[in-house]
Amino acid sequence: MFEILNAGQIASLVSIIAVAFVMVGGTVAPTIMEGKIAVKAIEGISRQPDAAGTIRMSMIIGMALTETTNIYSLLIALILIFANPLLGRFFVGG
């Protein structure tokens, strides 16, 4: 009924599960933080309309830095899917 998995299949399965955790953790937290950045910027602009340009520029820089977490998590996920260094250890030599 159930087939016993070899080491390569287990490594693939663990990699896929790791990709799922990386993508969830790497996208949910930065998205929440970007929302908080936007809310604080809007509150700051509403309190000081004269400083709107400075606040807007700071908001854009903050969001760009926060967005790098999403990009890095995508990069790690793509490496784990397509260029996983662990899989070569199990599939070499059959």
C-alpha atoms as a PDB file:
ATOM      1  CA  MET A   1       0.000   0.000   0.000  1.00  0.00           C
ATOM      2  CA  PHE A   2       2.732   2.472   0.956  1.00  0.00           C
ATOM      3  CA  GLU A   3       6.062   2.549  -0.793  1.00  0.00           C
ATOM      4  CA  ILE A   4       9.237   3.056   1.202  1.00  0.00           C
ATOM      5  CA  LEU A   5      11.001   6.210   0.082  1.00  0.00           C
ATOM      6  CA  ASN A   6      14.701   6.284  -0.671  1.00  0.00           C
ATOM      7  CA  ALA A   7      17.020   9.042   0.557  1.00  0.00           C
ATOM      8  CA  GLY A   8      16.699  11.101  -2.632  1.00  0.00           C
ATOM      9  CA  GLN A   9      12.913  11.089  -2.491  1.00  0.00           C
ATOM     10  CA  ILE A  10      12.972  12.075   1.169  1.00  0.00           C
ATOM     11  CA  ALA A  11      15.371  14.936   0.367  1.00  0.00           C
ATOM     12  CA  SER A  12      13.033  16.097  -2.408  1.00  0.00           C
ATOM     13  CA  LEU A  13      10.027  15.932  -0.099  1.00  0.00           C
ATOM     14  CA  VAL A  14      11.803  17.853   2.658  1.00  0.00           C
ATOM     15  CA  SER A  15      12.934  20.455   0.103  1.00  0.00           C
ATOM     16  CA  ILE A  16       9.378  20.991  -1.118  1.00  0.00           C
ATOM     17  CA  ILE A  17       8.111  21.389   2.444  1.00  0.00           C
ATOM     18  CA  ALA A  18      10.971  23.816   3.175  1.00  0.00           C
ATOM     19  CA  VAL A  19      10.027  25.839   0.079  1.00  0.00           C
ATOM     20  CA  ALA A  20       6.469  26.108   1.366  1.00  0.00           C
ATOM     21  CA  PHE A  21       7.643  27.391   4.745  1.00  0.00           C
ATOM     22  CA  VAL A  22      10.130  29.800   3.159  1.00  0.00           C
ATOM     23  CA  MET A  23       7.506  31.302   0.869  1.00  0.00           C
ATOM     24  CA  VAL A  24       4.894  31.647   3.606  1.00  0.00           C
ATOM     25  CA  GLY A  25       7.315  33.123   6.124  1.00  0.00           C
ATOM     26  CA  GLY A  26       9.019  35.276   3.550  1.00  0.00           C
ATOM     27  CA  THR A  27       5.848  36.844   2.201  1.00  0.00           C
ATOM     28  CA  VAL A  28       3.396  37.140   5.078  1.00  0.00           C
ATOM     29  CA  ALA A  29       5.595  39.062   7.523  1.00  0.00           C
ATOM     30  CA  PRO A  30       6.923  41.597   4.985  1.00  0.00           C
ATOM     31  CA  THR A  31       3.423  42.186   3.651  1.00  0.00           C
ATOM     32  CA  ILE A  32       2.166  42.999   7.140  1.00  0.00           C
ATOM     33  CA  MET A  33       5.159  45.284   7.701  1.00  0.00           C
ATOM     34  CA  GLU A  34       4.556  47.101   4.398  1.00  0.00           C
ATOM     35  CA  GLY A  35       0.995  47.756   5.496  1.00  0.00           C
ATOM     36  CA  LYS A  36       2.232  49.181   8.793  1.00  0.00           C
ATOM     37  CA  ILE A  37       4.743  51.376   6.947  1.00  0.00           C
ATOM     38  CA  ALA A  38       1.984  52.749   4.725  1.00  0.00           C
ATOM     39  CA  VAL A  39      -0.339  53.399   7.679  1.00  0.00           C
ATOM     40  CA  LYS A  40       2.357  55.255   9.623  1.00  0.00           C
ATOM     41  CA  ALA A  41       3.284  57.302   6.545  1.00  0.00           C
ATOM     42  CA  ILE A  42      -0.339  58.288   5.952  1.00  0.00           C
ATOM     43  CA  GLU A  43      -0.708  59.228   9.625  1.00  0.00           C
ATOM     44  CA  GLY A  44       2.454  61.315   9.425  1.00  0.00           C
ATOM     45  CA  ILE A  45       1.310  63.089   6.267  1.00  0.00           C
ATOM     46  CA  SER A  46      -2.077  63.815   7.839  1.00  0.00           C
ATOM     47  CA  ARG A  47      -0.361  65.395  10.873  1.00  0.00           C
ATOM     48  CA  GLN A  48       2.255  67.327   8.866  1.00  0.00           C
ATOM     49  CA  PRO A  49       1.130  67.955   5.284  1.00  0.00           C
ATOM     50  CA  ASP A  50       4.166  70.180   4.666  1.00  0.00           C
ATOM     51  CA  ALA A  51       6.512  67.211   5.169  1.00  0.00           C
ATOM     52  CA  ALA A  52       4.629  64.995   2.712  1.00  0.00           C
ATOM     53  CA  GLY A  53       7.531  64.769   0.264  1.00  0.00           C
ATOM     54  CA  THR A  54      10.041  63.707   2.903  1.00  0.00           C
ATOM     55  CA  ILE A  55       7.641  61.232   4.492  1.00  0.00           C
ATOM     56  CA  ARG A  56       6.710  59.775   1.113  1.00  0.00           C
ATOM     57  CA  MET A  57      10.378  59.289   0.182  1.00  0.00           C
ATOM     58  CA  SER A  58      11.083  57.608   3.523  1.00  0.00           C
ATOM     59  CA  MET A  59       8.043  55.377   3.010  1.00  0.00           C
ATOM     60  CA  ILE A  60       9.214  54.318  -0.450  1.00  0.00           C
ATOM     61  CA  ILE A  61      12.718  53.513   0.835  1.00  0.00           C
ATOM     62  CA  GLY A  62      11.271  51.568   3.779  1.00  0.00           C
ATOM     63  CA  MET A  63       8.965  49.570   1.535  1.00  0.00           C
ATOM     64  CA  ALA A  64      11.800  48.825  -0.879  1.00  0.00           C
ATOM     65  CA  LEU A  65      13.947  47.504   1.953  1.00  0.00           C
ATOM     66  CA  THR A  66      11.041  45.444   3.265  1.00  0.00           C
ATOM     67  CA  GLU A  67      10.355  44.059  -0.203  1.00  0.00           C
ATOM     68  CA  THR A  68      13.873  42.630  -0.387  1.00  0.00           C
ATOM     69  CA  THR A  69      12.787  39.974   2.117  1.00  0.00           C
ATOM     70  CA  ASN A  70      10.193  38.759  -0.388  1.00  0.00           C
ATOM     71  CA  ILE A  71      12.794  38.694  -3.143  1.00  0.00           C
ATOM     72  CA  TYR A  72      15.305  36.782  -1.015  1.00  0.00           C
ATOM     73  CA  SER A  73      12.696  34.220   0.023  1.00  0.00           C
ATOM     74  CA  LEU A  74      11.751  33.720  -3.629  1.00  0.00           C
ATOM     75  CA  LEU A  75      15.434  33.282  -4.486  1.00  0.00           C
ATOM     76  CA  ILE A  76      15.899  30.696  -1.726  1.00  0.00           C
ATOM     77  CA  ALA A  77      12.765  28.851  -2.855  1.00  0.00           C
ATOM     78  CA  LEU A  78      13.950  28.756  -6.480  1.00  0.00           C
ATOM     79  CA  ILE A  79      17.359  27.464  -5.382  1.00  0.00           C
ATOM     80  CA  LEU A  80      15.720  24.735  -3.295  1.00  0.00           C
ATOM     81  CA  ILE A  81      13.499  23.718  -6.206  1.00  0.00           C
ATOM     82  CA  PHE A  82      15.843  23.913  -9.195  1.00  0.00           C
ATOM     83  CA  ALA A  83      19.433  23.922  -7.888  1.00  0.00           C
ATOM     84  CA  ASN A  84      19.182  22.078  -4.604  1.00  0.00           C
ATOM     85  CA  PRO A  85      22.679  21.184  -3.412  1.00  0.00           C
ATOM     86  CA  LEU A  86      21.340  18.369  -1.218  1.00  0.00           C
ATOM     87  CA  LEU A  87      19.807  16.404  -4.070  1.00  0.00           C
ATOM     88  CA  GLY A  88      23.149  15.875  -5.811  1.00  0.00           C
ATOM     89  CA  ARG A  89      24.424  13.961  -2.801  1.00  0.00           C
ATOM     90  CA  PHE A  90      21.641  11.397  -3.054  1.00  0.00           C
ATOM     91  CA  PHE A  91      21.247  10.971  -6.810  1.00  0.00           C
ATOM     92  CA  VAL A  92      24.927  10.700  -7.803  1.00  0.00           C
ATOM     93  CA  GLY A  93      25.906   7.122  -8.476  1.00  0.00           C
ATOM     94  CA  GLY A  94      22.306   5.921  -8.534  1.00  0.00           C
END
